[in-house]
Amino acid sequence: MATEEAPAKTPPTPLRMLAADADDLQIMSAALQDSILRPVDIVWEKSARRVTIALSRFCWECGGTRVMAAMQFGDVQAVKSRRLPRGPESALELLAIDFEPVEAPGGRVILMFAGGGDLRIDVECLDAVVTDLSERWPARVAPAHPEQAPQETVAE
């Protein structure tokens, strides 16, 4: 009696994205919603004018998995945080990323986190990339979003 073999699953293609304008950044924000990171995963190389963030990305497109990913911003002029935990191992959950234009083509990239904290990255021009770095693994818990009050953005 012959048995049928299940078709081999093709592994999902790793995510690779570029953002050069606010619309691109909104797509990137959706892909990174519910990513988890720690303050030590945020590295600002001031002399290179670059911010790199390592994070555990929830793969909404794959349903129920996570992957290690990196997000990088170029042409960075300044980085400021507000109400983010100071402990290097504290967990941060990324809710959204927004762009506030200032003097074209520059602006402020705002990373908003659960609990009301945010990170502001002032850029000369928007130059952001995201890429997956590892194999996927099953997520222990799928993120849930109960009704919340709107988050306020970074104050001047």
C-alpha atoms as a PDB file:
ATOM      1  CA  MET A   1       0.000   0.000   0.000  1.00  0.00           C
ATOM      2  CA  ALA A   2       1.513   3.300  -1.095  1.00  0.00           C
ATOM      3  CA  THR A   3       1.457   6.243   1.259  1.00  0.00           C
ATOM      4  CA  GLU A   4       1.102   9.805   0.110  1.00  0.00           C
ATOM      5  CA  GLU A   5       3.810  12.188   1.201  1.00  0.00           C
ATOM      6  CA  ALA A   6       2.820  15.634   2.336  1.00  0.00           C
ATOM      7  CA  PRO A   7       4.153  18.312   0.001  1.00  0.00           C
ATOM      8  CA  ALA A   8       7.292  19.942   1.361  1.00  0.00           C
ATOM      9  CA  LYS A   9       6.591  23.370   2.812  1.00  0.00           C
ATOM     10  CA  THR A  10       8.604  26.160   1.324  1.00  0.00           C
ATOM     11  CA  PRO A  11      10.097  28.213   4.142  1.00  0.00           C
ATOM     12  CA  PRO A  12       8.814  31.797   4.255  1.00  0.00           C
ATOM     13  CA  THR A  13      11.016  34.343   2.553  1.00  0.00           C
ATOM     14  CA  PRO A  14      12.875  36.482   5.118  1.00  0.00           C
ATOM     15  CA  LEU A  15      11.493  39.996   5.408  1.00  0.00           C
ATOM     16  CA  ARG A  16      13.630  42.735   3.861  1.00  0.00           C
ATOM     17  CA  MET A  17      12.258  46.280   3.673  1.00  0.00           C
ATOM     18  CA  LEU A  18      13.474  49.774   2.839  1.00  0.00           C
ATOM     19  CA  ALA A  19      11.755  53.002   3.887  1.00  0.00           C
ATOM     20  CA  ALA A  20      12.550  56.295   2.181  1.00  0.00           C
ATOM     21  CA  ASP A  21       9.292  58.145   2.954  1.00  0.00           C
ATOM     22  CA  ALA A  22       6.452  58.231   5.485  1.00  0.00           C
ATOM     23  CA  ASP A  23       4.300  55.788   3.474  1.00  0.00           C
ATOM     24  CA  ASP A  24       7.117  53.208   3.394  1.00  0.00           C
ATOM     25  CA  LEU A  25       7.622  53.683   7.127  1.00  0.00           C
ATOM     26  CA  GLN A  26       3.938  52.945   7.824  1.00  0.00           C
ATOM     27  CA  ILE A  27       4.279  49.597   6.044  1.00  0.00           C
ATOM     28  CA  MET A  28       7.428  48.895   8.051  1.00  0.00           C
ATOM     29  CA  SER A  29       5.555  49.852  11.234  1.00  0.00           C
ATOM     30  CA  ALA A  30       2.820  47.292  10.505  1.00  0.00           C
ATOM     31  CA  ALA A  31       5.411  44.566   9.916  1.00  0.00           C
ATOM     32  CA  LEU A  32       7.182  45.385  13.202  1.00  0.00           C
ATOM     33  CA  GLN A  33       4.103  45.814  15.398  1.00  0.00           C
ATOM     34  CA  ASP A  34       4.477  43.792  18.619  1.00  0.00           C
ATOM     35  CA  SER A  35       8.226  43.311  18.247  1.00  0.00           C
ATOM     36  CA  ILE A  36      10.026  42.854  21.552  1.00  0.00           C
ATOM     37  CA  LEU A  37      13.398  44.338  22.408  1.00  0.00           C
ATOM     38  CA  ARG A  38      15.462  45.587  25.355  1.00  0.00           C
ATOM     39  CA  PRO A  39      17.101  48.988  25.861  1.00  0.00           C
ATOM     40  CA  VAL A  40      20.523  47.329  25.315  1.00  0.00           C
ATOM     41  CA  ASP A  41      19.319  46.287  21.837  1.00  0.00           C
ATOM     42  CA  ILE A  42      19.227  49.955  20.748  1.00  0.00           C
ATOM     43  CA  VAL A  43      22.662  51.079  19.545  1.00  0.00           C
ATOM     44  CA  TRP A  44      23.386  54.641  18.447  1.00  0.00           C
ATOM     45  CA  GLU A  45      26.690  55.011  16.629  1.00  0.00           C
ATOM     46  CA  LYS A  46      26.925  58.792  16.806  1.00  0.00           C
ATOM     47  CA  SER A  47      30.066  59.139  14.648  1.00  0.00           C
ATOM     48  CA  ALA A  48      28.546  56.865  11.956  1.00  0.00           C
ATOM     49  CA  ARG A  49      25.172  58.682  12.267  1.00  0.00           C
ATOM     50  CA  ARG A  50      23.391  55.335  12.550  1.00  0.00           C
ATOM     51  CA  VAL A  51      20.910  53.695  14.937  1.00  0.00           C
ATOM     52  CA  THR A  52      20.608  49.907  14.887  1.00  0.00           C
ATOM     53  CA  ILE A  53      17.926  48.021  16.820  1.00  0.00           C
ATOM     54  CA  ALA A  54      17.833  44.239  17.277  1.00  0.00           C
ATOM     55  CA  LEU A  55      14.361  42.858  17.981  1.00  0.00           C
ATOM     56  CA  SER A  56      12.227  39.756  18.174  1.00  0.00           C
ATOM     57  CA  ARG A  57       9.621  40.343  15.456  1.00  0.00           C
ATOM     58  CA  PHE A  58       6.177  38.759  15.631  1.00  0.00           C
ATOM     59  CA  CYS A  59       5.553  37.409  12.118  1.00  0.00           C
ATOM     60  CA  TRP A  60       2.009  38.477  11.387  1.00  0.00           C
ATOM     61  CA  GLU A  61       2.441  37.230   7.824  1.00  0.00           C
ATOM     62  CA  CYS A  62       3.367  33.691   8.986  1.00  0.00           C
ATOM     63  CA  GLY A  63       0.885  33.379  11.841  1.00  0.00           C
ATOM     64  CA  GLY A  64       2.192  32.599  15.274  1.00  0.00           C
ATOM     65  CA  THR A  65       5.962  32.695  14.831  1.00  0.00           C
ATOM     66  CA  ARG A  66       8.775  35.032  15.813  1.00  0.00           C
ATOM     67  CA  VAL A  67      12.103  35.825  14.164  1.00  0.00           C
ATOM     68  CA  MET A  68      15.167  37.849  15.155  1.00  0.00           C
ATOM     69  CA  ALA A  69      15.365  40.967  13.008  1.00  0.00           C
ATOM     70  CA  ALA A  70      17.325  44.203  12.797  1.00  0.00           C
ATOM     71  CA  MET A  71      16.139  47.696  11.985  1.00  0.00           C
ATOM     72  CA  GLN A  72      18.599  50.430  11.059  1.00  0.00           C
ATOM     73  CA  PHE A  73      18.267  54.171  10.497  1.00  0.00           C
ATOM     74  CA  GLY A  74      20.903  56.207   8.651  1.00  0.00           C
ATOM     75  CA  ASP A  75      21.589  59.955   8.560  1.00  0.00           C
ATOM     76  CA  VAL A  76      20.741  60.213  12.291  1.00  0.00           C
ATOM     77  CA  GLN A  77      21.294  63.610  13.896  1.00  0.00           C
ATOM     78  CA  ALA A  78      19.979  62.964  17.432  1.00  0.00           C
ATOM     79  CA  VAL A  79      18.261  60.309  19.541  1.00  0.00           C
ATOM     80  CA  LYS A  80      16.010  61.018  22.536  1.00  0.00           C
ATOM     81  CA  SER A  81      13.839  58.808  24.714  1.00  0.00           C
ATOM     82  CA  ARG A  82      10.885  59.541  26.944  1.00  0.00           C
ATOM     83  CA  ARG A  83       9.512  57.297  29.696  1.00  0.00           C
ATOM     84  CA  LEU A  84      11.482  54.239  28.557  1.00  0.00           C
ATOM     85  CA  PRO A  85      12.753  51.890  31.272  1.00  0.00           C
ATOM     86  CA  ARG A  86      16.425  52.423  32.098  1.00  0.00           C
ATOM     87  CA  GLY A  87      17.192  48.806  33.038  1.00  0.00           C
ATOM     88  CA  PRO A  88      19.239  47.272  30.204  1.00  0.00           C
ATOM     89  CA  GLU A  89      17.228  44.023  30.326  1.00  0.00           C
ATOM     90  CA  SER A  90      13.751  45.624  30.577  1.00  0.00           C
ATOM     91  CA  ALA A  91      11.306  44.387  27.947  1.00  0.00           C
ATOM     92  CA  LEU A  92       9.979  46.908  25.424  1.00  0.00           C
ATOM     93  CA  GLU A  93       7.058  46.100  23.131  1.00  0.00           C
ATOM     94  CA  LEU A  94       6.971  48.151  19.926  1.00  0.00           C
ATOM     95  CA  LEU A  95       3.468  49.313  19.056  1.00  0.00           C
ATOM     96  CA  ALA A  96       4.043  51.603  16.078  1.00  0.00           C
ATOM     97  CA  ILE A  97       6.491  53.787  14.167  1.00  0.00           C
ATOM     98  CA  ASP A  98       5.575  57.225  12.866  1.00  0.00           C
ATOM     99  CA  PHE A  99       7.331  59.964  10.902  1.00  0.00           C
ATOM    100  CA  GLU A 100       6.953  63.682  11.579  1.00  0.00           C
ATOM    101  CA  PRO A 101       8.429  65.758   8.740  1.00  0.00           C
ATOM    102  CA  VAL A 102      10.418  68.798   9.818  1.00  0.00           C
ATOM    103  CA  GLU A 103      12.609  70.557   7.244  1.00  0.00           C
ATOM    104  CA  ALA A 104      12.409  68.472   4.041  1.00  0.00           C
ATOM    105  CA  PRO A 105      13.698  65.870   3.578  1.00  0.00           C
ATOM    106  CA  GLY A 106      14.374  65.507   7.330  1.00  0.00           C
ATOM    107  CA  GLY A 107      12.133  64.711  10.215  1.00  0.00           C
ATOM    108  CA  ARG A 108      11.556  62.713  13.351  1.00  0.00           C
ATOM    109  CA  VAL A 109      11.024  58.981  13.469  1.00  0.00           C
ATOM    110  CA  ILE A 110       8.959  58.138  16.552  1.00  0.00           C
ATOM    111  CA  LEU A 111       8.981  54.574  17.911  1.00  0.00           C
ATOM    112  CA  MET A 112       6.045  54.146  20.315  1.00  0.00           C
ATOM    113  CA  PHE A 113       6.127  51.427  22.954  1.00  0.00           C
ATOM    114  CA  ALA A 114       3.531  49.787  25.209  1.00  0.00           C
ATOM    115  CA  GLY A 115       3.282  51.651  28.501  1.00  0.00           C
ATOM    116  CA  GLY A 116       3.559  55.075  26.862  1.00  0.00           C
ATOM    117  CA  GLY A 117       7.320  55.375  26.331  1.00  0.00           C
ATOM    118  CA  ASP A 118       8.833  56.391  23.033  1.00  0.00           C
ATOM    119  CA  LEU A 119      12.104  56.859  21.204  1.00  0.00           C
ATOM    120  CA  ARG A 120      12.637  59.803  18.865  1.00  0.00           C
ATOM    121  CA  ILE A 121      15.244  59.562  16.117  1.00  0.00           C
ATOM    122  CA  ASP A 122      15.925  62.856  14.333  1.00  0.00           C
ATOM    123  CA  VAL A 123      17.049  62.163  10.766  1.00  0.00           C
ATOM    124  CA  GLU A 124      18.483  64.372   8.033  1.00  0.00           C
ATOM    125  CA  CYS A 125      16.467  62.270   5.583  1.00  0.00           C
ATOM    126  CA  LEU A 126      14.484  59.066   6.047  1.00  0.00           C
ATOM    127  CA  ASP A 127      16.739  56.083   5.375  1.00  0.00           C
ATOM    128  CA  ALA A 128      15.514  52.947   7.175  1.00  0.00           C
ATOM    129  CA  VAL A 129      15.976  49.226   6.576  1.00  0.00           C
ATOM    130  CA  VAL A 130      14.629  46.089   8.254  1.00  0.00           C
ATOM    131  CA  THR A 131      15.776  42.534   7.694  1.00  0.00           C
ATOM    132  CA  ASP A 132      15.090  39.175   9.299  1.00  0.00           C
ATOM    133  CA  LEU A 133      18.227  37.539  10.697  1.00  0.00           C
ATOM    134  CA  SER A 134      17.243  34.083  11.950  1.00  0.00           C
ATOM    135  CA  GLU A 135      15.013  31.089  11.400  1.00  0.00           C
ATOM    136  CA  ARG A 136      11.472  31.440  12.759  1.00  0.00           C
ATOM    137  CA  TRP A 137      10.333  29.785  15.973  1.00  0.00           C
ATOM    138  CA  PRO A 138       6.857  29.295  17.461  1.00  0.00           C
ATOM    139  CA  ALA A 139       5.663  32.285  19.490  1.00  0.00           C
ATOM    140  CA  ARG A 140       4.641  31.412  23.046  1.00  0.00           C
ATOM    141  CA  VAL A 141       1.793  33.929  23.006  1.00  0.00           C
ATOM    142  CA  ALA A 142       0.102  35.837  20.187  1.00  0.00           C
ATOM    143  CA  PRO A 143      -0.119  39.587  20.883  1.00  0.00           C
ATOM    144  CA  ALA A 144      -3.526  41.018  21.791  1.00  0.00           C
ATOM    145  CA  HIS A 145      -4.620  44.649  21.589  1.00  0.00           C
ATOM    146  CA  PRO A 146      -7.373  45.669  24.016  1.00  0.00           C
ATOM    147  CA  GLU A 147      -8.960  49.097  23.540  1.00  0.00           C
ATOM    148  CA  GLN A 148      -6.494  51.796  24.611  1.00  0.00           C
ATOM    149  CA  ALA A 149      -6.425  55.565  24.862  1.00  0.00           C
ATOM    150  CA  PRO A 150      -4.405  57.210  22.066  1.00  0.00           C
ATOM    151  CA  GLN A 151      -0.670  57.490  22.724  1.00  0.00           C
ATOM    152  CA  GLU A 152       0.842  60.953  22.826  1.00  0.00           C
ATOM    153  CA  THR A 153       3.989  61.653  20.828  1.00  0.00           C
ATOM    154  CA  VAL A 154       7.350  62.978  21.974  1.00  0.00           C
ATOM    155  CA  ALA A 155       7.265  66.477  23.429  1.00  0.00           C
ATOM    156  CA  GLU A 156       9.714  69.081  22.240  1.00  0.00           C
END
